[in-house]
Amino acid sequence: MKKYKFIIAGSGWRSLYYVRAAKALPEVFELCAMYCRTPEKAEKMSREHGIRATDSIEECLGYEPDFVVVAVSKNSIAEVSMEWARRGLTVLCETPAALDVESLNRLWKAREEGCRIVVAEQFTRFPEYAALIGLVRRRLIGEPDFLNISLAHDYHGASLMRALLDVSPDVGFTVRGRAYKFPTVETFTRYERYYDGRIADKKRTVAVFEFENGRTALFDFDSEQYRSPIRNNSVKIRGCRGEIADRMVCYLNEKFEDIRSEIDVKTRIVQTGDPNPSLSVVEEVTDIIFEGESVYAPKFGLRGLAQDETAVAELMAGAAEYSRGNAPPYPLKDALQDAYMSIMLHKAVESGETIKSEKQIWNK
């Protein structure tokens, strides 16, 4: 197979997810270069990560990559993505698509002008969540109508809500919510592990999304949830024939007999040797079994990747295929709706009011 060539614009925390995915799959991806704004930063990234880095856009374009990963600050990601797309490249940009509705609309207009932009919304492609979405769409529990979700924040949470409730981006909604602060013992950050028992107030956002098709989601997310070992993720999806609570599926079969089956997520522990305590140990999903059937198998085989990097690798391959004339791995209108729901969530929390969505140019 011809390798997928790509470059990275940006050198922050998220850019390194793409570096790790490329290093784990050298026969699939070729990282041509990382673009940095200064030669000093380029030299630092090259030295620390063993990759080619440059401050020259012309050099990056000269590699003729299949796609460019845009991993810059949230405030500038929409503009930078459009800049690279208008140079003729397929863009795979980090989340969110944008932080305001005006920028979301400009992204859609850029698409209508021929720009190829994919937002790297990876959560629906985490092996465990992808398997869960697949089981919901089998309709074992009937049509999903209520969701209690505590898995991911803002736009990631929005994408999972819509996927698990099977809500398309053109369905309107209302949202109301509140934010709270609770004292919590700090454990992991992106770069450190604390053992001194320090306590800080952490934000928890609770909201209710009511969709126009009659489906409802209770959103609940704590700012410590992604890394803290004392903050668990949870999800419960209900339909008229049953419910899925985390890994337990309870439903009625065709004879209306009650069935209880567990989703069996098989993993292996991989010691990466990374000095960062948040990255030193990876739990890689090897298989997911439901009622004797494999409902997930690693697309690229076992590569020592966490669920996040596994999902990122799939999006990278999808973006490359998009550049070669195939369908995008995540339609832009879905990503814009995810970001829009996040914007409306924050508006509801800040105002204390129930906010009603409005039709935007991508979902008319």
Protein backbone atom coordinates (compact mmCIF):
# COMPACT_ATOMS: atom_id res chain seq x y z
CA MET A 1 0.00 0.00 0.00
CA LYS A 2 1.23 3.47 -0.84
CA LYS A 3 2.00 5.35 2.35
CA TYR A 4 -0.16 8.27 3.41
CA LYS A 5 2.08 11.36 3.51
CA PHE A 6 1.23 14.18 5.89
CA ILE A 7 2.57 17.23 7.65
CA ILE A 8 1.63 18.75 11.01
CA ALA A 9 1.03 22.48 11.51
CA GLY A 10 1.49 23.12 15.22
CA SER A 11 3.70 21.75 17.95
CA GLY A 12 1.56 21.55 21.08
CA TRP A 13 0.27 18.65 23.19
CA ARG A 14 -2.25 17.36 20.64
CA SER A 15 0.19 17.46 17.73
CA LEU A 16 2.18 14.68 19.41
CA TYR A 17 -0.77 12.27 19.21
CA TYR A 18 -0.27 12.28 15.45
CA VAL A 19 3.47 11.81 15.86
CA ARG A 20 2.90 8.75 18.06
CA ALA A 21 0.35 7.30 15.64
CA ALA A 22 2.74 7.74 12.71
CA LYS A 23 5.65 6.15 14.60
CA ALA A 24 3.45 3.18 15.56
CA LEU A 25 2.38 2.70 11.92
CA PRO A 26 5.48 3.44 9.81
CA GLU A 27 4.25 1.34 6.90
CA VAL A 28 0.97 3.32 6.79
CA PHE A 29 1.97 6.92 7.47
CA GLU A 30 4.93 9.09 6.52
CA LEU A 31 5.31 12.23 8.61
CA CYS A 32 7.09 14.52 6.17
CA ALA A 33 7.55 17.47 8.51
CA MET A 34 6.16 19.45 11.41
CA TYR A 35 5.66 23.14 10.70
CA CYS A 36 6.65 25.47 13.55
CA ARG A 37 6.48 29.26 13.59
CA THR A 38 10.12 29.78 14.57
CA PRO A 39 13.36 27.97 13.70
CA GLU A 40 14.10 27.65 17.42
CA LYS A 41 10.85 25.76 18.02
CA ALA A 42 11.47 23.60 14.95
CA GLU A 43 14.91 22.65 16.20
CA LYS A 44 13.51 21.82 19.65
CA MET A 45 10.75 19.56 18.29
CA SER A 46 13.16 17.81 15.92
CA ARG A 47 15.67 17.17 18.70
CA GLU A 48 13.14 16.02 21.30
CA HIS A 49 10.95 13.83 19.09
CA GLY A 50 13.21 12.65 16.31
CA ILE A 51 11.14 14.14 13.51
CA ARG A 52 11.79 16.59 10.68
CA ALA A 53 10.59 20.07 11.69
CA THR A 54 10.76 23.35 9.79
CA ASP A 55 9.58 26.95 9.86
CA SER A 56 9.12 26.98 6.06
CA ILE A 57 5.62 26.61 4.60
CA GLU A 58 7.16 26.24 1.14
CA GLU A 59 9.17 23.26 2.31
CA CYS A 60 6.03 21.65 3.74
CA LEU A 61 4.11 22.14 0.50
CA GLY A 62 7.05 20.70 -1.45
CA TYR A 63 6.50 17.28 0.14
CA GLU A 64 3.09 17.11 -1.62
CA PRO A 65 1.35 15.56 1.42
CA ASP A 66 -2.00 13.81 1.27
CA PHE A 67 -3.17 15.94 4.18
CA VAL A 68 -2.06 18.42 6.82
CA VAL A 69 -2.90 18.08 10.49
CA VAL A 70 -3.72 21.48 11.99
CA ALA A 71 -3.10 21.35 15.73
CA VAL A 72 -2.94 24.95 16.90
CA SER A 73 -4.78 26.90 19.60
CA LYS A 74 -8.58 26.74 19.70
CA ASN A 75 -8.78 30.48 19.12
CA SER A 76 -7.02 30.28 15.76
CA ILE A 77 -7.78 26.77 14.54
CA ALA A 78 -10.59 27.73 12.13
CA GLU A 79 -8.55 30.45 10.42
CA VAL A 80 -5.40 28.36 10.18
CA SER A 81 -7.37 25.40 8.81
CA MET A 82 -8.87 27.54 6.06
CA GLU A 83 -5.45 28.99 5.22
CA TRP A 84 -3.99 25.52 4.64
CA ALA A 85 -7.09 24.28 2.81
CA ARG A 86 -6.90 27.24 0.41
CA ARG A 87 -3.38 26.14 -0.45
CA GLY A 88 -5.00 23.05 -1.97
CA LEU A 89 -4.40 20.61 0.88
CA THR A 90 -6.86 18.36 2.66
CA VAL A 91 -6.96 19.50 6.29
CA LEU A 92 -7.45 17.31 9.34
CA CYS A 93 -7.91 19.85 12.12
CA GLU A 94 -8.06 19.36 15.85
CA THR A 95 -11.27 19.99 17.77
CA PRO A 96 -13.32 22.08 18.05
CA ALA A 97 -13.99 23.30 14.52
CA ALA A 98 -14.35 26.84 15.93
CA LEU A 99 -15.39 28.71 19.07
CA ASP A 100 -18.07 30.98 17.58
CA VAL A 101 -20.97 30.58 15.16
CA GLU A 102 -19.58 33.09 12.65
CA SER A 103 -16.41 31.02 12.23
CA LEU A 104 -18.44 27.82 11.90
CA ASN A 105 -20.41 29.43 9.07
CA ARG A 106 -17.19 30.52 7.34
CA LEU A 107 -15.87 26.97 7.52
CA TRP A 108 -19.01 25.72 5.79
CA LYS A 109 -18.70 28.41 3.10
CA ALA A 110 -15.07 27.37 2.58
CA ARG A 111 -16.27 23.80 2.04
CA GLU A 112 -18.79 25.05 -0.54
CA GLU A 113 -15.90 26.77 -2.30
CA GLY A 114 -14.09 23.45 -2.60
CA CYS A 115 -11.97 23.34 0.56
CA ARG A 116 -11.50 19.88 2.07
CA ILE A 117 -11.63 20.13 5.86
CA VAL A 118 -12.11 17.24 8.27
CA VAL A 119 -12.43 17.85 12.00
CA ALA A 120 -10.65 15.19 14.03
CA GLU A 121 -13.58 14.32 16.29
CA GLN A 122 -12.12 11.10 17.59
CA PHE A 123 -14.35 10.07 20.50
CA THR A 124 -16.92 8.16 18.43
CA ARG A 125 -13.96 6.13 17.10
CA PHE A 126 -12.55 5.10 20.46
CA PRO A 127 -12.78 1.28 20.25
CA GLU A 128 -15.07 0.97 23.27
CA TYR A 129 -17.38 3.80 22.22
CA ALA A 130 -17.48 2.68 18.59
CA ALA A 131 -18.57 -0.79 19.71
CA LEU A 132 -21.21 0.74 21.98
CA ILE A 133 -22.59 2.90 19.15
CA GLY A 134 -22.73 -0.19 16.93
CA LEU A 135 -24.72 -2.14 19.53
CA VAL A 136 -27.19 0.72 20.00
CA ARG A 137 -27.79 0.81 16.25
CA ARG A 138 -28.71 -2.88 16.27
CA ARG A 139 -31.84 -1.73 18.10
CA LEU A 140 -31.63 -4.48 20.72
CA ILE A 141 -33.03 -1.95 23.20
CA GLY A 142 -35.39 -0.45 20.61
CA GLU A 143 -35.07 3.13 19.47
CA PRO A 144 -32.81 4.96 21.95
CA ASP A 145 -34.73 7.75 23.64
CA PHE A 146 -32.85 8.70 26.83
CA LEU A 147 -29.15 9.00 27.51
CA ASN A 148 -27.24 9.72 30.72
CA ILE A 149 -23.68 10.43 29.63
CA SER A 150 -20.56 11.25 31.63
CA LEU A 151 -17.76 10.50 29.19
CA ALA A 152 -16.44 13.65 27.53
CA HIS A 153 -16.70 17.44 27.58
CA ASP A 154 -18.30 19.99 25.27
CA TYR A 155 -18.03 19.10 21.55
CA HIS A 156 -16.75 15.56 22.27
CA GLY A 157 -19.76 15.02 24.50
CA ALA A 158 -22.03 16.43 21.79
CA SER A 159 -20.71 14.02 19.16
CA LEU A 160 -21.22 11.06 21.49
CA MET A 161 -24.71 12.22 22.46
CA ARG A 162 -25.81 12.48 18.85
CA ALA A 163 -24.18 9.17 17.88
CA LEU A 164 -25.63 7.19 20.79
CA LEU A 165 -29.11 8.69 20.36
CA ASP A 166 -28.81 8.51 16.55
CA VAL A 167 -29.55 12.23 16.13
CA SER A 168 -28.58 13.81 12.81
CA PRO A 169 -27.01 17.30 12.66
CA ASP A 170 -30.19 18.86 11.25
CA VAL A 171 -32.27 18.07 14.37
CA GLY A 172 -32.89 21.09 16.59
CA PHE A 173 -32.60 21.09 20.37
CA THR A 174 -32.94 23.05 23.58
CA VAL A 175 -30.35 23.03 26.37
CA ARG A 176 -30.32 24.17 29.97
CA GLY A 177 -27.55 23.64 32.45
CA ARG A 178 -25.46 24.70 35.40
CA ALA A 179 -21.82 24.56 36.42
CA TYR A 180 -20.69 23.64 39.92
CA LYS A 181 -17.37 23.57 41.75
CA PHE A 182 -16.45 20.78 44.13
CA PRO A 183 -13.21 20.22 46.08
CA THR A 184 -11.23 17.33 44.58
CA VAL A 185 -7.88 15.74 45.35
CA GLU A 186 -5.65 16.31 42.33
CA THR A 187 -3.84 13.30 40.83
CA PHE A 188 -2.83 13.44 37.16
CA THR A 189 -2.28 16.42 34.88
CA ARG A 190 -1.06 16.25 31.29
CA TYR A 191 2.51 16.18 32.51
CA GLU A 192 2.63 15.24 36.21
CA ARG A 193 1.35 12.84 38.89
CA TYR A 194 0.66 14.36 42.31
CA TYR A 195 1.01 12.36 45.53
CA ASP A 196 0.78 15.18 48.07
CA GLY A 197 -3.01 15.22 48.53
CA ARG A 198 -3.44 18.75 47.21
CA ILE A 199 -7.06 19.81 46.83
CA ALA A 200 -8.52 22.24 44.31
CA ASP A 201 -12.01 23.26 43.26
CA LYS A 202 -12.93 21.46 40.05
CA LYS A 203 -15.73 22.34 37.67
CA ARG A 204 -18.60 19.96 36.96
CA THR A 205 -21.10 20.85 34.23
CA VAL A 206 -24.58 19.29 34.24
CA ALA A 207 -27.03 19.96 31.42
CA VAL A 208 -30.13 18.58 29.72
CA PHE A 209 -30.39 18.47 25.92
CA GLU A 210 -33.89 17.91 24.54
CA PHE A 211 -33.93 17.15 20.82
CA GLU A 212 -36.85 17.93 18.51
CA ASN A 213 -37.20 14.23 17.62
CA GLY A 214 -38.19 13.46 21.23
CA ARG A 215 -34.82 12.17 22.45
CA THR A 216 -33.18 13.50 25.60
CA ALA A 217 -29.63 13.51 26.95
CA LEU A 218 -28.46 14.28 30.48
CA PHE A 219 -24.90 15.57 30.15
CA ASP A 220 -22.58 15.42 33.16
CA PHE A 221 -18.85 16.10 33.03
CA ASP A 222 -16.15 16.84 35.60
CA SER A 223 -12.97 18.70 34.58
CA GLU A 224 -10.85 15.99 36.27
CA GLN A 225 -12.55 13.14 34.48
CA TYR A 226 -10.14 12.44 31.62
CA ARG A 227 -7.18 11.52 33.79
CA SER A 228 -8.16 11.19 37.42
CA PRO A 229 -8.30 7.59 38.74
CA ILE A 230 -11.00 8.70 41.22
CA ARG A 231 -13.40 10.04 38.57
CA ASN A 232 -15.03 7.30 36.49
CA ASN A 233 -16.70 7.53 33.10
CA SER A 234 -20.26 6.24 32.78
CA VAL A 235 -23.06 5.97 30.26
CA LYS A 236 -26.64 4.68 30.28
CA ILE A 237 -28.80 4.46 27.15
CA ARG A 238 -32.48 3.54 27.36
CA GLY A 239 -35.01 2.40 24.78
CA CYS A 240 -38.46 0.84 25.04
CA ARG A 241 -37.01 -2.73 24.92
CA GLY A 242 -34.10 -2.31 27.30
CA GLU A 243 -31.06 -0.34 28.33
CA ILE A 244 -27.28 -0.36 28.19
CA ALA A 245 -25.54 0.69 31.40
CA ASP A 246 -21.79 0.94 30.86
CA ARG A 247 -20.90 -2.62 29.75
CA MET A 248 -24.15 -4.38 30.70
CA VAL A 249 -26.89 -4.78 28.06
CA CYS A 250 -30.41 -5.66 29.29
CA TYR A 251 -33.05 -6.23 26.62
CA LEU A 252 -36.05 -8.27 25.50
CA ASN A 253 -35.53 -10.76 22.70
CA GLU A 254 -38.05 -11.56 19.95
CA LYS A 255 -40.02 -13.73 22.41
CA PHE A 256 -40.01 -10.89 24.97
CA GLU A 257 -37.71 -12.89 27.22
CA ASP A 258 -35.34 -10.75 29.25
CA ILE A 259 -31.65 -11.09 28.35
CA ARG A 260 -28.63 -9.75 30.23
CA SER A 261 -25.35 -9.79 28.32
CA GLU A 262 -22.06 -8.08 29.12
CA ILE A 263 -19.81 -6.28 26.66
CA ASP A 264 -16.42 -7.90 27.15
CA VAL A 265 -13.61 -5.42 26.46
CA LYS A 266 -10.29 -7.22 26.22
CA THR A 267 -7.13 -5.19 26.73
CA ARG A 268 -3.41 -5.52 27.20
CA ILE A 269 -1.04 -3.29 29.17
CA VAL A 270 1.86 -1.74 27.24
CA GLN A 271 4.79 -0.02 28.96
CA THR A 272 5.82 2.76 26.57
CA GLY A 273 8.92 4.03 28.36
CA ASP A 274 7.65 7.60 28.04
CA PRO A 275 8.87 9.75 30.96
CA ASN A 276 5.46 11.47 31.12
CA PRO A 277 3.43 9.59 33.80
CA SER A 278 0.24 10.21 31.81
CA LEU A 279 1.74 8.38 28.81
CA SER A 280 4.06 5.79 30.37
CA VAL A 281 1.41 3.03 30.48
CA VAL A 282 -1.05 2.31 27.66
CA GLU A 283 -4.10 0.08 27.92
CA GLU A 284 -4.62 -1.13 24.36
CA VAL A 285 -7.94 -2.67 23.32
CA THR A 286 -7.28 -6.01 21.64
CA ASP A 287 -10.86 -7.18 21.04
CA ILE A 288 -14.43 -6.47 22.12
CA ILE A 289 -16.84 -9.40 22.38
CA PHE A 290 -20.64 -9.36 22.71
CA GLU A 291 -22.63 -12.59 22.95
CA GLY A 292 -19.76 -14.56 21.45
CA GLU A 293 -19.25 -12.20 18.52
CA SER A 294 -16.33 -9.83 17.98
CA VAL A 295 -17.75 -6.33 17.62
CA TYR A 296 -14.37 -4.63 17.42
CA ALA A 297 -10.94 -5.65 16.15
CA PRO A 298 -7.95 -3.28 15.74
CA LYS A 299 -7.96 -1.99 12.16
CA PHE A 300 -4.17 -1.79 12.03
CA GLY A 301 -3.42 -4.67 14.39
CA LEU A 302 -1.86 -4.31 17.82
CA ARG A 303 0.47 -1.30 17.82
CA GLY A 304 0.70 -0.31 21.47
CA LEU A 305 -1.72 2.59 21.03
CA ALA A 306 -4.23 3.92 23.53
CA GLN A 307 -7.84 4.35 22.45
CA ASP A 308 -7.26 8.03 21.63
CA GLU A 309 -4.32 7.38 19.28
CA THR A 310 -6.14 4.40 17.77
CA ALA A 311 -9.04 6.69 16.88
CA VAL A 312 -6.68 9.38 15.61
CA ALA A 313 -4.95 6.88 13.29
CA GLU A 314 -8.31 5.93 11.75
CA LEU A 315 -9.11 9.60 11.12
CA MET A 316 -5.68 10.15 9.57
CA ALA A 317 -6.24 7.30 7.13
CA GLY A 318 -9.74 8.62 6.40
CA ALA A 319 -8.44 12.13 5.71
CA ALA A 320 -5.83 10.73 3.32
CA GLU A 321 -8.51 8.77 1.48
CA TYR A 322 -10.67 11.92 1.33
CA SER A 323 -7.78 13.67 -0.44
CA ARG A 324 -7.82 10.82 -2.96
CA GLY A 325 -11.49 11.27 -3.80
CA ASN A 326 -13.28 9.17 -1.20
CA ALA A 327 -15.85 10.29 1.38
CA PRO A 328 -14.59 12.16 4.47
CA PRO A 329 -14.27 10.08 7.65
CA TYR A 330 -16.43 12.56 9.59
CA PRO A 331 -18.74 14.89 7.63
CA LEU A 332 -18.06 18.57 8.27
CA LYS A 333 -21.71 19.30 9.05
CA ASP A 334 -21.52 16.85 11.97
CA ALA A 335 -18.40 18.51 13.34
CA LEU A 336 -19.93 21.97 13.00
CA GLN A 337 -23.04 20.82 14.85
CA ASP A 338 -20.87 19.34 17.63
CA ALA A 339 -19.14 22.69 18.08
CA TYR A 340 -22.45 24.57 17.87
CA MET A 341 -23.95 22.40 20.62
CA SER A 342 -20.92 23.18 22.78
CA ILE A 343 -21.35 26.91 22.18
CA MET A 344 -25.06 26.71 23.11
CA LEU A 345 -24.20 24.64 26.21
CA HIS A 346 -21.85 27.36 27.47
CA LYS A 347 -24.43 30.03 26.68
CA ALA A 348 -27.06 28.16 28.70
CA VAL A 349 -24.74 27.67 31.67
CA GLU A 350 -23.60 31.30 31.69
CA SER A 351 -27.10 32.75 31.28
CA GLY A 352 -29.04 30.30 33.46
CA GLU A 353 -31.67 30.19 30.72
CA THR A 354 -33.01 27.47 28.44
CA ILE A 355 -31.43 28.05 25.04
CA LYS A 356 -33.09 27.00 21.80
CA SER A 357 -30.98 26.16 18.77
CA GLU A 358 -31.41 27.95 15.46
CA LYS A 359 -30.97 26.59 11.95
CA GLN A 360 -27.51 27.27 10.59
CA ILE A 361 -26.30 27.13 6.98
CA TRP A 362 -24.80 23.64 7.42
CA ASN A 363 -28.01 22.00 8.66
CA LYS A 364 -30.73 23.67 6.61
